[in-house]
Amino acid sequence: MNARAALYSAIDDEVTQYDIDIEAATLTRRSSIRVASFVQEGWAHPSRRTLYLTTSNRGPGLKADTNNVSAKRAGSKAGPTTEAQRRQ
């Protein structure tokens, strides 16, 4: 049996999905998307089908005037796509 898992990383406003092959000890880049602003935090729904992200345009010395919570479809062949988004 070939054990697999997914990994998501975020740098600024880009979220990248990787496939992990545990037995082969490999990491393969699958897809990337850009989100509204800098990713602050992300977590997976227990079903592993949805990835929730919080984003903000705040940085060192900057006032945040755009804050978002969004839900992305996780693991689709086309990459994560927006399902819902809430702006504050």
Protein backbone atom coordinates (compact mmCIF):
# COMPACT_ATOMS: atom_id res chain seq x y z
CA MET A 1 0.00 0.00 0.00
CA ASN A 2 1.30 3.43 -0.94
CA ALA A 3 0.57 5.92 1.87
CA ARG A 4 -0.20 9.44 0.67
CA ALA A 5 -1.07 12.75 2.28
CA ALA A 6 -1.41 16.39 1.26
CA LEU A 7 0.49 19.43 2.49
CA TYR A 8 -0.43 23.09 2.03
CA SER A 9 2.02 25.96 2.39
CA ALA A 10 1.46 29.70 2.18
CA ILE A 11 3.85 32.51 1.42
CA ASP A 12 2.23 35.95 1.40
CA ASP A 13 -0.91 35.57 -0.77
CA GLU A 14 0.01 32.30 -2.53
CA VAL A 15 -1.20 28.92 -1.25
CA THR A 16 0.49 25.84 -2.70
CA GLN A 17 -0.72 22.26 -2.48
CA TYR A 18 1.79 19.39 -2.42
CA ASP A 19 1.25 15.64 -2.57
CA ILE A 20 3.31 13.64 -0.08
CA ASP A 21 4.21 10.05 -0.87
CA ILE A 22 5.18 8.78 2.56
CA GLU A 23 6.66 5.46 1.46
CA ALA A 24 8.77 7.01 -1.31
CA ALA A 25 9.57 10.03 0.90
CA THR A 26 8.72 12.46 -1.93
CA LEU A 27 7.00 15.82 -2.07
CA THR A 28 5.39 16.83 -5.39
CA ARG A 29 4.02 20.30 -6.10
CA ARG A 30 0.45 19.99 -7.35
CA SER A 31 -1.00 23.48 -7.75
CA SER A 32 -1.00 27.04 -6.41
CA ILE A 33 -3.65 29.72 -6.03
CA ARG A 34 -3.57 33.39 -5.02
CA VAL A 35 -5.92 34.56 -2.29
CA ALA A 36 -7.23 38.00 -1.27
CA SER A 37 -4.18 39.01 0.78
CA PHE A 38 -1.52 37.55 3.10
CA VAL A 39 -2.44 34.21 4.66
CA GLN A 40 -2.55 34.41 8.44
CA GLU A 41 -3.74 30.89 9.27
CA GLY A 42 -5.21 27.82 7.60
CA TRP A 43 -6.83 24.60 8.78
CA ALA A 44 -8.51 21.60 7.21
CA HIS A 45 -12.09 20.52 7.85
CA PRO A 46 -12.20 17.04 9.46
CA SER A 47 -13.53 15.65 6.14
CA ARG A 48 -10.27 16.87 4.49
CA ARG A 49 -12.37 18.23 1.59
CA THR A 50 -12.29 21.88 2.65
CA LEU A 51 -9.39 24.15 3.57
CA TYR A 52 -10.25 27.26 5.59
CA LEU A 53 -7.98 30.29 5.32
CA THR A 54 -7.84 33.62 7.13
CA THR A 55 -6.14 36.46 5.28
CA SER A 56 -5.27 40.06 6.05
CA ASN A 57 -3.34 42.87 4.39
CA ARG A 58 -1.67 43.71 7.71
CA GLY A 59 2.08 43.58 7.94
CA PRO A 60 4.78 45.13 10.12
CA GLY A 61 3.75 48.72 10.78
CA LEU A 62 0.61 48.45 8.61
CA LYS A 63 -3.01 48.83 9.66
CA ALA A 64 -5.27 45.98 8.51
CA ASP A 65 -8.24 47.24 6.51
CA THR A 66 -8.94 44.00 4.62
CA ASN A 67 -9.59 40.79 6.56
CA ASN A 68 -11.06 37.64 5.01
CA VAL A 69 -12.15 34.15 5.93
CA SER A 70 -12.52 31.81 2.96
CA ALA A 71 -13.24 28.15 2.33
CA LYS A 72 -11.39 26.39 -0.48
CA ARG A 73 -12.14 23.01 -1.99
CA ALA A 74 -9.16 20.84 -1.12
CA GLY A 75 -7.64 18.12 -3.24
CA SER A 76 -9.41 18.66 -6.55
CA LYS A 77 -7.38 17.95 -9.69
CA ALA A 78 -7.77 21.57 -10.78
CA GLY A 79 -6.48 22.77 -7.42
CA PRO A 80 -8.36 24.49 -4.62
CA THR A 81 -11.24 26.71 -5.74
CA THR A 82 -13.24 29.30 -3.84
CA GLU A 83 -16.49 28.04 -2.37
CA ALA A 84 -17.30 30.86 0.01
CA GLN A 85 -15.71 34.06 1.18
CA ARG A 86 -16.51 36.58 3.87
CA ARG A 87 -14.95 40.03 3.94
CA GLN A 88 -14.73 42.25 6.98
